[in-house]
Amino acid sequence: MSTARRVAVVVLGSGPGGYTAAFRAADLGLETMLIERDTTLGGVCLNVGCIPSKALLHTAAVLAEAEEATTRGVRFAAPEIDLDALRAWKDSVVAKLTGGLAGLARARKVEVVKGTGRFTSPNEITVEGDTGTTTITFDHAIIAVGSSPIGLPGLPEDPRIMDSTGALEIADVPERLLVIGGGIIGLEMATVYDALGSRVTIVELMDQLIPGCDRDLVKPLHDRIAARYEAIHLSTRVTGVEVTSEGVRVSFEGDDAPDAATFDRVLVAVGRRPNGGSIGAELAGVAVDDHGFIAVDGQMRTNVSHIFAIGDVVGQPMLAHKATHEGKVAAEVIAGHAAAFDAVAIPSVAYTDPEVAWAGLSETAALAAETPHEVVRFPWAASGRALTLGRPDGLTKLIVDPETRRILGCGVVGVHAGDLIAEAVLAMEMGADVEDIALTIHPHPTLSETVAFAAEIAAGTITDLPPSRRRAQA
């Protein structure tokens, strides 16, 4: 069956960026349609990404904390893992959120069309769904098609070789798990499987975990998991994968390369690629580069003035919270508002144990660009709250402009680092200097104090460290 529709705004993709764009456009009085290829709204993030992984990571944190409570005189019996119940709980969290999105769409009268959408002209998208073909003519379109996991060439087809989506299914708890890729996704899933009882090995091509992040932020994480995991191999490449009856045999090369070994499961987490090349964008005249990215201006316009793009498909960082802000900008520009995407800082978080979070100018980037800067670090070993949690392994650091004393960047490693980074992002957006933060009274004892203490170091007023650790008063 074929049908035809005309709308003011069509949004292709219902991930965080897409549904935000559609809902904002509807709130601004525009007739809006949302196209989604999967059965539920929410895209990768809600269905097979951010939300289910964080649900499992919370369970992992509970297991790890119970295990470590023995050092504080509290002992529990060994946990019993009911994988069916764990999966059901994780799925219930996802269902609640995706169901909520469907209700929000209905409340706003956003029409949802299920199926795979492709451009057929600059003002037309055809959607192939279970019930037939729908041809949609639009005045404006917002491309929000996200990204997909990158595979390794030459890998055999076998259910024991997983991407992040497969890993989130928790089909079993393998005795030995190899994670290929030491970035955020691989490390988060390693955290889950380690807590559930797997012996985890990490292989990373670069010379550190979370490549691109400052080394001093990664070190507490590396040290902790190196003591828990079977092995971490940096500067190491996978050269061969063979499926056998005993498992998946993998061979390696590199300065730190181990001998070939057999694993019960292998997780491939080497990055993601944008989906810009799979939507017929060229038929609409939209330029897509060889990697699948779509270039946009500050108003999220593509080279075709009435077609916009947001989220992973427009470039790094590939983060849901970036996409949601871009989605609002696109909708507001279409509605005639004077809007633009002009974020001073976009936070990144690895929800590992400990968490690693950073935003703004990194120390690594400042050194590479020879940008004048000062670095101040507050060790969590001097934090009363961190000590009461039994987690003094953290660090909070600020990158400071030596002339204006404004905050240029921030990095935090430690429990709940992802929650702490927001204060520094707000400070950067508001142009705050170190005294603004240092003179803001933070509750005691909290981890949020570590941000204030770092600012006090920069201001030369810190009293929670020895005098030799203070920055000289300007």
Protein backbone atom coordinates (compact mmCIF):
# COMPACT_ATOMS: atom_id res chain seq x y z
CA MET A 1 0.00 0.00 0.00
CA SER A 2 1.29 3.46 -0.88
CA THR A 3 0.34 6.70 0.82
CA ALA A 4 1.44 10.30 0.45
CA ARG A 5 1.74 13.04 3.08
CA ARG A 6 2.92 16.64 3.20
CA VAL A 7 4.32 18.28 6.35
CA ALA A 8 6.19 21.42 7.31
CA VAL A 9 9.01 19.56 9.08
CA VAL A 10 10.15 15.96 8.79
CA VAL A 11 12.78 14.54 11.14
CA LEU A 12 14.65 11.45 9.98
CA GLY A 13 15.70 9.48 13.06
CA SER A 14 14.26 9.46 16.58
CA GLY A 15 17.34 9.32 18.79
CA PRO A 16 17.86 12.01 21.45
CA GLY A 17 18.64 14.62 18.82
CA GLY A 18 15.82 13.60 16.51
CA TYR A 19 13.01 13.41 19.03
CA THR A 20 14.17 16.64 20.67
CA ALA A 21 14.14 18.39 17.30
CA ALA A 22 10.68 17.05 16.48
CA PHE A 23 9.20 17.95 19.86
CA ARG A 24 10.71 21.43 19.81
CA ALA A 25 9.43 22.05 16.28
CA ALA A 26 5.94 20.94 17.33
CA ASP A 27 6.08 23.17 20.42
CA LEU A 28 6.84 26.07 18.09
CA GLY A 29 3.67 25.42 16.11
CA LEU A 30 5.12 23.51 13.15
CA GLU A 31 3.39 20.43 11.74
CA THR A 32 6.01 17.77 12.35
CA MET A 33 6.59 14.16 11.34
CA LEU A 34 9.14 11.81 12.91
CA ILE A 35 10.48 8.85 10.92
CA GLU A 36 12.00 5.89 12.78
CA ARG A 37 13.19 2.61 11.28
CA ASP A 38 13.01 0.62 14.53
CA THR A 39 9.94 -0.49 16.44
CA THR A 40 10.43 1.99 19.28
CA LEU A 41 11.52 5.60 19.49
CA GLY A 42 14.76 6.66 21.14
CA GLY A 43 17.42 5.52 18.68
CA VAL A 44 20.63 3.83 19.74
CA CYS A 45 20.94 5.80 22.98
CA LEU A 46 17.70 4.73 24.63
CA ASN A 47 17.39 1.27 23.09
CA VAL A 48 20.89 -0.18 22.74
CA GLY A 49 23.28 2.42 24.08
CA CYS A 50 23.35 5.00 26.87
CA ILE A 51 20.35 3.85 28.90
CA PRO A 52 20.69 0.04 28.96
CA SER A 53 24.45 0.29 29.48
CA LYS A 54 24.02 2.63 32.45
CA ALA A 55 21.42 0.31 33.95
CA LEU A 56 23.94 -2.53 33.79
CA LEU A 57 26.76 -0.29 35.00
CA HIS A 58 24.74 0.57 38.10
CA THR A 59 24.41 -3.14 38.84
CA ALA A 60 28.15 -3.53 38.29
CA ALA A 61 28.83 -0.70 40.76
CA VAL A 62 26.63 -2.35 43.39
CA LEU A 63 28.49 -5.65 42.97
CA ALA A 64 31.91 -3.98 43.14
CA GLU A 65 30.96 -1.94 46.21
CA ALA A 66 29.65 -5.00 48.00
CA GLU A 67 32.89 -6.82 47.21
CA GLU A 68 35.04 -3.96 48.49
CA ALA A 69 32.98 -3.54 51.67
CA THR A 70 34.98 -6.42 53.15
CA THR A 71 37.86 -3.99 53.72
CA ARG A 72 35.52 -1.96 55.96
CA GLY A 73 34.41 -4.86 58.07
CA VAL A 74 31.21 -5.72 56.20
CA ARG A 75 30.93 -9.10 54.47
CA PHE A 76 28.20 -10.37 52.19
CA ALA A 77 27.61 -13.81 50.78
CA ALA A 78 28.74 -14.32 47.21
CA PRO A 79 26.12 -12.77 44.90
CA GLU A 80 23.81 -14.92 42.80
CA ILE A 81 23.41 -13.51 39.28
CA ASP A 82 20.02 -14.14 37.70
CA LEU A 83 20.70 -13.05 34.11
CA ASP A 84 17.06 -13.37 33.06
CA ALA A 85 15.97 -11.03 35.85
CA LEU A 86 18.84 -8.63 35.14
CA ARG A 87 17.91 -8.46 31.45
CA ALA A 88 14.25 -8.00 32.33
CA TRP A 89 15.05 -5.09 34.64
CA LYS A 90 17.31 -3.46 32.05
CA ASP A 91 14.61 -3.90 29.39
CA SER A 92 11.95 -2.46 31.69
CA VAL A 93 14.00 0.72 32.10
CA VAL A 94 14.31 1.02 28.33
CA ALA A 95 10.61 0.30 27.81
CA LYS A 96 9.59 2.95 30.32
CA LEU A 97 11.64 5.63 28.59
CA THR A 98 10.77 4.68 25.01
CA GLY A 99 7.11 4.36 25.93
CA GLY A 100 7.30 7.79 27.50
CA LEU A 101 8.63 9.19 24.22
CA ALA A 102 5.69 7.74 22.33
CA GLY A 103 3.36 9.48 24.77
CA LEU A 104 5.19 12.78 24.38
CA ALA A 105 4.89 12.50 20.61
CA ARG A 106 1.14 11.91 20.84
CA ALA A 107 0.70 14.81 23.25
CA ARG A 108 2.39 17.12 20.77
CA LYS A 109 0.57 15.66 17.75
CA VAL A 110 3.88 14.64 16.19
CA GLU A 111 3.06 11.99 13.61
CA VAL A 112 5.37 8.97 13.85
CA VAL A 113 6.02 6.92 10.72
CA LYS A 114 7.80 3.58 11.17
CA GLY A 115 10.11 2.42 8.43
CA THR A 116 13.38 3.13 6.64
CA GLY A 117 13.45 6.60 5.13
CA ARG A 118 15.52 7.73 2.15
CA PHE A 119 15.57 10.99 0.24
CA THR A 120 14.31 10.80 -3.32
CA SER A 121 14.54 14.54 -4.10
CA PRO A 122 15.32 17.81 -2.28
CA ASN A 123 11.75 17.91 -0.91
CA GLU A 124 10.76 14.28 -0.69
CA ILE A 125 11.48 11.24 1.47
CA THR A 126 10.16 7.74 0.82
CA VAL A 127 9.63 5.48 3.82
CA GLU A 128 9.54 1.70 3.35
CA GLY A 129 7.69 0.09 6.26
CA ASP A 130 5.89 -3.11 7.15
CA THR A 131 2.58 -1.70 5.96
CA GLY A 132 3.85 -0.31 2.66
CA THR A 133 5.45 2.81 1.24
CA THR A 134 4.83 6.36 2.42
CA THR A 135 5.96 9.30 0.33
CA ILE A 136 6.51 12.43 2.41
CA THR A 137 6.81 15.87 0.90
CA PHE A 138 8.32 18.44 3.24
CA ASP A 139 9.21 22.10 3.52
CA HIS A 140 12.12 21.43 5.90
CA ALA A 141 13.95 18.27 6.91
CA ILE A 142 16.24 17.48 9.85
CA ILE A 143 18.63 14.56 9.38
CA ALA A 144 19.25 12.79 12.70
CA VAL A 145 20.28 9.31 11.59
CA GLY A 146 23.13 8.79 14.06
CA SER A 147 25.93 6.28 13.69
CA SER A 148 26.68 2.54 13.66
CA PRO A 149 29.42 0.38 15.20
CA ILE A 150 32.58 -0.08 13.14
CA GLY A 151 33.52 -3.69 12.54
CA LEU A 152 36.95 -5.15 11.90
CA PRO A 153 37.50 -6.39 8.33
CA GLY A 154 37.82 -10.11 7.89
CA LEU A 155 36.11 -11.15 11.12
CA PRO A 156 34.22 -14.45 10.87
CA GLU A 157 30.47 -14.51 11.49
CA ASP A 158 29.91 -16.04 14.90
CA PRO A 159 27.54 -15.16 17.78
CA ARG A 160 30.51 -15.18 20.16
CA ILE A 161 31.93 -12.13 18.34
CA MET A 162 29.81 -9.16 19.46
CA ASP A 163 29.43 -5.45 18.95
CA SER A 164 28.14 -3.19 21.73
CA THR A 165 24.51 -4.04 20.91
CA GLY A 166 25.16 -7.76 21.29
CA ALA A 167 27.14 -7.22 24.48
CA LEU A 168 24.19 -5.42 26.07
CA GLU A 169 22.06 -8.54 25.64
CA ILE A 170 24.12 -10.30 28.34
CA ALA A 171 23.41 -13.67 26.75
CA ASP A 172 25.79 -15.24 29.25
CA VAL A 173 28.77 -14.41 31.42
CA PRO A 174 31.80 -15.67 29.51
CA GLU A 175 34.68 -17.03 31.53
CA ARG A 176 37.14 -15.09 29.35
CA LEU A 177 36.17 -11.94 27.46
CA LEU A 178 38.39 -10.05 25.02
CA VAL A 179 37.50 -6.41 24.40
CA ILE A 180 39.06 -5.02 21.23
CA GLY A 181 39.21 -1.28 21.75
CA GLY A 182 40.07 0.65 24.90
CA GLY A 183 37.72 3.56 24.28
CA ILE A 184 34.68 4.52 26.30
CA ILE A 185 32.25 1.92 24.94
CA GLY A 186 34.65 -1.00 25.30
CA LEU A 187 35.67 0.00 28.81
CA GLU A 188 32.09 0.47 29.98
CA MET A 189 31.10 -3.01 28.82
CA ALA A 190 34.30 -4.41 30.33
CA THR A 191 33.21 -2.88 33.64
CA VAL A 192 29.90 -4.73 33.46
CA TYR A 193 31.30 -8.12 32.52
CA ASP A 194 34.13 -7.88 35.07
CA ALA A 195 31.59 -7.26 37.85
CA LEU A 196 29.48 -10.18 36.66
CA GLY A 197 32.50 -12.50 36.90
CA SER A 198 34.28 -12.55 33.54
CA ARG A 199 38.06 -12.47 33.23
CA VAL A 200 38.53 -9.46 30.97
CA THR A 201 41.37 -8.65 28.60
CA ILE A 202 41.58 -5.25 26.88
CA VAL A 203 43.50 -4.71 23.64
CA GLU A 204 44.02 -1.14 22.44
CA LEU A 205 45.87 -0.02 19.31
CA MET A 206 46.97 3.29 20.83
CA ASP A 207 49.41 3.74 23.71
CA GLN A 208 46.76 4.55 26.36
CA LEU A 209 43.18 3.79 27.28
CA ILE A 210 40.59 6.39 26.18
CA PRO A 211 42.88 7.84 23.50
CA GLY A 212 42.77 11.62 23.42
CA CYS A 213 41.95 12.02 27.09
CA ASP A 214 44.63 13.48 29.38
CA ARG A 215 46.89 10.75 30.72
CA ASP A 216 46.64 11.84 34.36
CA LEU A 217 42.86 11.40 34.20
CA VAL A 218 43.16 7.94 32.68
CA LYS A 219 45.83 6.69 35.09
CA PRO A 220 43.58 6.05 38.14
CA LEU A 221 41.20 4.09 35.93
CA HIS A 222 44.04 2.13 34.33
CA ASP A 223 45.58 1.32 37.70
CA ARG A 224 42.28 0.11 39.14
CA ILE A 225 41.24 -2.12 36.29
CA ALA A 226 44.77 -3.44 35.74
CA ALA A 227 44.48 -4.92 39.24
CA ARG A 228 41.10 -6.47 38.45
CA TYR A 229 41.31 -7.54 34.80
CA GLU A 230 43.22 -10.45 33.35
CA ALA A 231 45.31 -8.14 31.16
CA ILE A 232 45.51 -4.77 29.41
CA HIS A 233 47.61 -4.62 26.23
CA LEU A 234 48.35 -1.21 24.74
CA SER A 235 49.97 -0.47 21.35
CA THR A 236 48.63 -3.85 20.29
CA ARG A 237 46.88 -4.87 17.08
CA VAL A 238 44.65 -7.87 16.43
CA THR A 239 46.08 -9.77 13.45
CA GLY A 240 43.87 -12.82 13.27
CA VAL A 241 40.59 -14.23 14.57
CA GLU A 242 39.67 -17.90 14.23
CA VAL A 243 36.46 -19.53 15.42
CA THR A 244 36.97 -22.97 16.98
CA SER A 245 34.87 -25.35 19.01
CA GLU A 246 36.74 -24.24 22.14
CA GLY A 247 36.13 -20.54 21.55
CA VAL A 248 37.47 -17.62 19.53
CA ARG A 249 41.24 -17.79 19.04
CA VAL A 250 42.84 -14.37 18.55
CA SER A 251 46.40 -13.48 17.59
CA PHE A 252 48.14 -10.15 18.18
CA GLU A 253 51.14 -8.05 17.26
CA GLY A 254 52.80 -5.03 18.88
CA ASP A 255 55.25 -3.98 21.56
CA ASP A 256 53.02 -5.36 24.31
CA ALA A 257 51.45 -8.14 22.26
CA PRO A 258 50.65 -11.39 24.08
CA ASP A 259 50.72 -14.84 22.55
CA ALA A 260 47.64 -16.00 20.67
CA ALA A 261 44.85 -16.96 23.07
CA THR A 262 41.33 -18.38 23.07
CA PHE A 263 38.40 -16.44 24.50
CA ASP A 264 34.79 -17.42 25.15
CA ARG A 265 33.53 -14.13 23.70
CA VAL A 266 35.03 -11.16 21.86
CA LEU A 267 33.61 -7.63 21.95
CA VAL A 268 34.60 -5.38 19.05
CA ALA A 269 34.42 -1.76 20.20
CA VAL A 270 36.72 0.18 17.88
CA GLY A 271 34.46 3.15 17.23
CA ARG A 272 31.39 4.25 15.32
CA ARG A 273 30.77 5.62 11.83
CA PRO A 274 28.04 8.10 10.84
CA ASN A 275 25.07 6.89 8.81
CA GLY A 276 25.06 9.80 6.36
CA GLY A 277 25.87 7.60 3.39
CA SER A 278 22.82 5.34 3.73
CA ILE A 279 19.89 7.78 3.38
CA GLY A 280 20.02 8.82 -0.27
CA ALA A 281 21.23 12.27 0.73
CA GLU A 282 22.83 12.77 -2.67
CA LEU A 283 19.37 12.69 -4.30
CA ALA A 284 18.47 15.69 -2.18
CA GLY A 285 21.71 17.44 -3.11
CA VAL A 286 23.11 17.11 0.43
CA ALA A 287 26.88 16.73 0.51
CA VAL A 288 28.17 13.69 2.41
CA ASP A 289 31.91 13.08 2.79
CA ASP A 290 33.69 9.76 2.30
CA HIS A 291 33.31 8.91 5.99
CA GLY A 292 29.55 9.50 6.07
CA PHE A 293 29.63 12.91 7.78
CA ILE A 294 27.40 15.79 6.71
CA ALA A 295 28.85 19.30 7.08
CA VAL A 296 26.62 21.96 8.67
CA ASP A 297 26.92 25.60 9.66
CA GLY A 298 26.26 27.13 13.06
CA GLN A 299 22.50 26.91 12.47
CA MET A 300 22.78 23.20 11.60
CA ARG A 301 22.02 23.83 7.90
CA THR A 302 23.53 21.54 5.31
CA ASN A 303 24.59 22.85 1.90
CA VAL A 304 20.88 22.60 0.98
CA SER A 305 19.34 25.53 2.85
CA HIS A 306 16.06 23.87 3.89
CA ILE A 307 17.69 20.61 5.03
CA PHE A 308 19.40 20.45 8.42
CA ALA A 309 21.50 17.77 10.12
CA ILE A 310 22.32 17.10 13.78
CA GLY A 311 24.00 14.61 16.08
CA ASP A 312 26.57 11.96 15.27
CA VAL A 313 26.16 12.46 11.53
CA VAL A 314 27.56 16.02 11.67
CA GLY A 315 30.78 15.16 13.50
CA GLN A 316 32.53 14.72 16.79
CA PRO A 317 31.92 14.44 19.60
CA MET A 318 29.31 11.73 19.02
CA LEU A 319 27.33 12.38 22.18
CA ALA A 320 23.60 12.38 22.86
CA HIS A 321 23.67 15.62 24.85
CA LYS A 322 25.34 17.43 21.96
CA ALA A 323 22.68 16.11 19.60
CA THR A 324 19.79 17.33 21.76
CA HIS A 325 21.10 20.88 21.81
CA GLU A 326 21.71 20.79 18.07
CA GLY A 327 18.16 19.49 17.56
CA LYS A 328 16.68 22.45 19.41
CA VAL A 329 18.77 24.86 17.33
CA ALA A 330 17.62 23.32 14.05
CA ALA A 331 13.95 23.44 15.07
CA GLU A 332 14.20 27.03 16.27
CA VAL A 333 15.95 28.19 13.09
CA ILE A 334 13.22 26.56 10.99
CA ALA A 335 10.63 28.39 13.10
CA GLY A 336 12.35 31.69 12.36
CA HIS A 337 14.18 32.19 15.64
CA ALA A 338 17.67 33.70 15.85
CA ALA A 339 19.34 30.53 17.13
CA ALA A 340 22.78 29.00 16.66
CA PHE A 341 24.86 26.19 18.16
CA ASP A 342 27.65 27.95 20.03
CA ALA A 343 28.66 25.74 22.94
CA VAL A 344 31.77 26.80 24.83
CA ALA A 345 32.31 23.27 26.16
CA ILE A 346 30.77 19.84 25.56
CA PRO A 347 31.40 17.34 28.37
CA SER A 348 32.51 13.76 27.72
CA VAL A 349 32.07 11.00 30.29
CA ALA A 350 33.29 7.43 30.53
CA TYR A 351 30.93 5.68 32.97
CA THR A 352 33.63 3.27 34.07
CA ASP A 353 34.81 2.63 37.63
CA PRO A 354 36.16 5.16 38.37
CA GLU A 355 34.33 7.48 36.00
CA VAL A 356 36.36 9.83 33.80
CA ALA A 357 34.90 13.16 32.69
CA TRP A 358 36.35 16.14 30.89
CA ALA A 359 35.21 19.30 29.11
CA GLY A 360 36.67 22.35 27.44
CA LEU A 361 40.38 22.68 26.73
CA SER A 362 42.37 19.62 27.72
CA GLU A 363 45.93 19.81 28.96
CA THR A 364 47.02 17.67 26.01
CA ALA A 365 45.41 20.04 23.50
CA ALA A 366 46.76 23.11 25.27
CA LEU A 367 50.31 21.78 25.10
CA ALA A 368 49.96 20.74 21.46
CA ALA A 369 48.64 24.16 20.45
CA GLU A 370 51.07 26.00 22.74
CA THR A 371 48.10 27.76 24.35
CA PRO A 372 49.11 29.69 27.49
CA HIS A 373 47.58 27.90 30.45
CA GLU A 374 48.00 26.81 34.05
CA VAL A 375 47.05 23.43 35.42
CA VAL A 376 45.90 22.88 39.00
CA ARG A 377 45.13 19.46 40.44
CA PHE A 378 43.36 18.54 43.65
CA PRO A 379 43.99 14.92 44.73
CA TRP A 380 41.02 13.12 46.19
CA ALA A 381 43.30 11.63 48.83
CA ALA A 382 42.76 15.00 50.53
CA SER A 383 38.95 14.86 50.18
CA GLY A 384 37.06 13.88 53.28
CA ARG A 385 34.11 12.65 51.26
CA ALA A 386 36.27 10.53 48.96
CA LEU A 387 37.91 8.94 51.98
CA THR A 388 34.57 8.12 53.59
CA LEU A 389 33.56 6.41 50.35
CA GLY A 390 36.77 4.39 50.37
CA ARG A 391 37.65 5.91 46.99
CA PRO A 392 40.58 8.33 47.35
CA ASP A 393 41.83 7.37 43.87
CA GLY A 394 40.26 10.40 42.20
CA LEU A 395 41.56 13.69 40.88
CA THR A 396 39.98 17.02 39.92
CA LYS A 397 41.91 19.42 37.74
CA LEU A 398 41.28 22.78 36.13
CA ILE A 399 42.92 24.38 33.10
CA VAL A 400 43.13 28.12 33.77
CA ASP A 401 43.87 31.14 31.60
CA PRO A 402 46.97 32.70 33.24
CA GLU A 403 45.85 36.25 32.45
CA THR A 404 42.07 36.34 32.85
CA ARG A 405 41.98 33.50 35.44
CA ARG A 406 38.98 32.10 33.61
CA ILE A 407 38.34 28.37 33.50
CA LEU A 408 39.39 26.96 30.10
CA GLY A 409 38.90 23.28 30.83
CA CYS A 410 38.24 20.71 33.53
CA GLY A 411 38.89 17.04 34.06
CA VAL A 412 37.66 14.73 36.81
CA VAL A 413 38.40 11.08 37.49
CA GLY A 414 36.64 9.34 40.36
CA VAL A 415 33.26 8.05 41.42
CA HIS A 416 30.44 10.27 40.11
CA ALA A 417 32.83 12.30 37.95
CA GLY A 418 30.12 12.56 35.32
CA ASP A 419 27.91 14.46 37.76
CA LEU A 420 30.71 16.76 38.94
CA ILE A 421 31.77 17.95 35.48
CA ALA A 422 28.55 19.94 34.98
CA GLU A 423 29.66 22.64 37.43
CA ALA A 424 32.79 23.32 35.41
CA VAL A 425 30.84 23.35 32.13
CA LEU A 426 28.50 25.97 33.58
CA ALA A 427 31.49 27.98 34.77
CA MET A 428 32.99 27.94 31.28
CA GLU A 429 29.70 28.90 29.64
CA MET A 430 29.35 31.84 32.02
CA GLY A 431 32.97 32.95 31.72
CA ALA A 432 33.64 32.33 35.40
CA ASP A 433 37.10 32.77 36.85
CA VAL A 434 38.74 30.71 39.58
CA GLU A 435 37.62 33.06 42.36
CA ASP A 436 33.99 32.72 41.26
CA ILE A 437 34.23 29.02 42.02
CA ALA A 438 36.53 29.31 45.02
CA LEU A 439 34.23 31.84 46.69
CA THR A 440 31.12 29.76 46.03
CA ILE A 441 30.31 27.88 49.24
CA HIS A 442 30.14 24.16 48.52
CA PRO A 443 28.53 21.74 50.97
CA HIS A 444 30.88 19.69 53.15
CA PRO A 445 31.73 16.89 52.95
CA THR A 446 30.99 16.34 49.26
CA LEU A 447 32.86 15.43 46.12
CA SER A 448 31.72 18.75 44.64
CA GLU A 449 34.15 20.40 47.05
CA THR A 450 37.01 19.05 44.96
CA VAL A 451 36.08 21.48 42.19
CA ALA A 452 36.17 24.36 44.67
CA PHE A 453 39.45 23.12 46.14
CA ALA A 454 41.03 23.01 42.68
CA ALA A 455 39.86 26.59 42.14
CA GLU A 456 41.33 27.56 45.53
CA ILE A 457 44.67 26.14 44.44
CA ALA A 458 44.53 28.36 41.36
CA ALA A 459 43.52 31.35 43.48
CA GLY A 460 46.26 30.67 46.04
CA THR A 461 43.80 30.32 48.93
CA ILE A 462 43.75 26.54 49.50
CA THR A 463 44.04 25.47 53.14
CA ASP A 464 43.29 21.76 52.64
CA LEU A 465 46.78 21.07 51.24
CA PRO A 466 50.26 21.79 52.62
CA PRO A 467 51.61 25.29 51.87
CA SER A 468 54.05 23.87 49.33
CA ARG A 469 51.13 22.67 47.19
CA ARG A 470 49.53 26.10 46.94
CA ARG A 471 49.83 28.35 43.96
CA ALA A 472 51.47 31.64 44.92
CA GLN A 473 48.98 34.43 45.47
CA ALA A 474 48.96 36.78 42.48
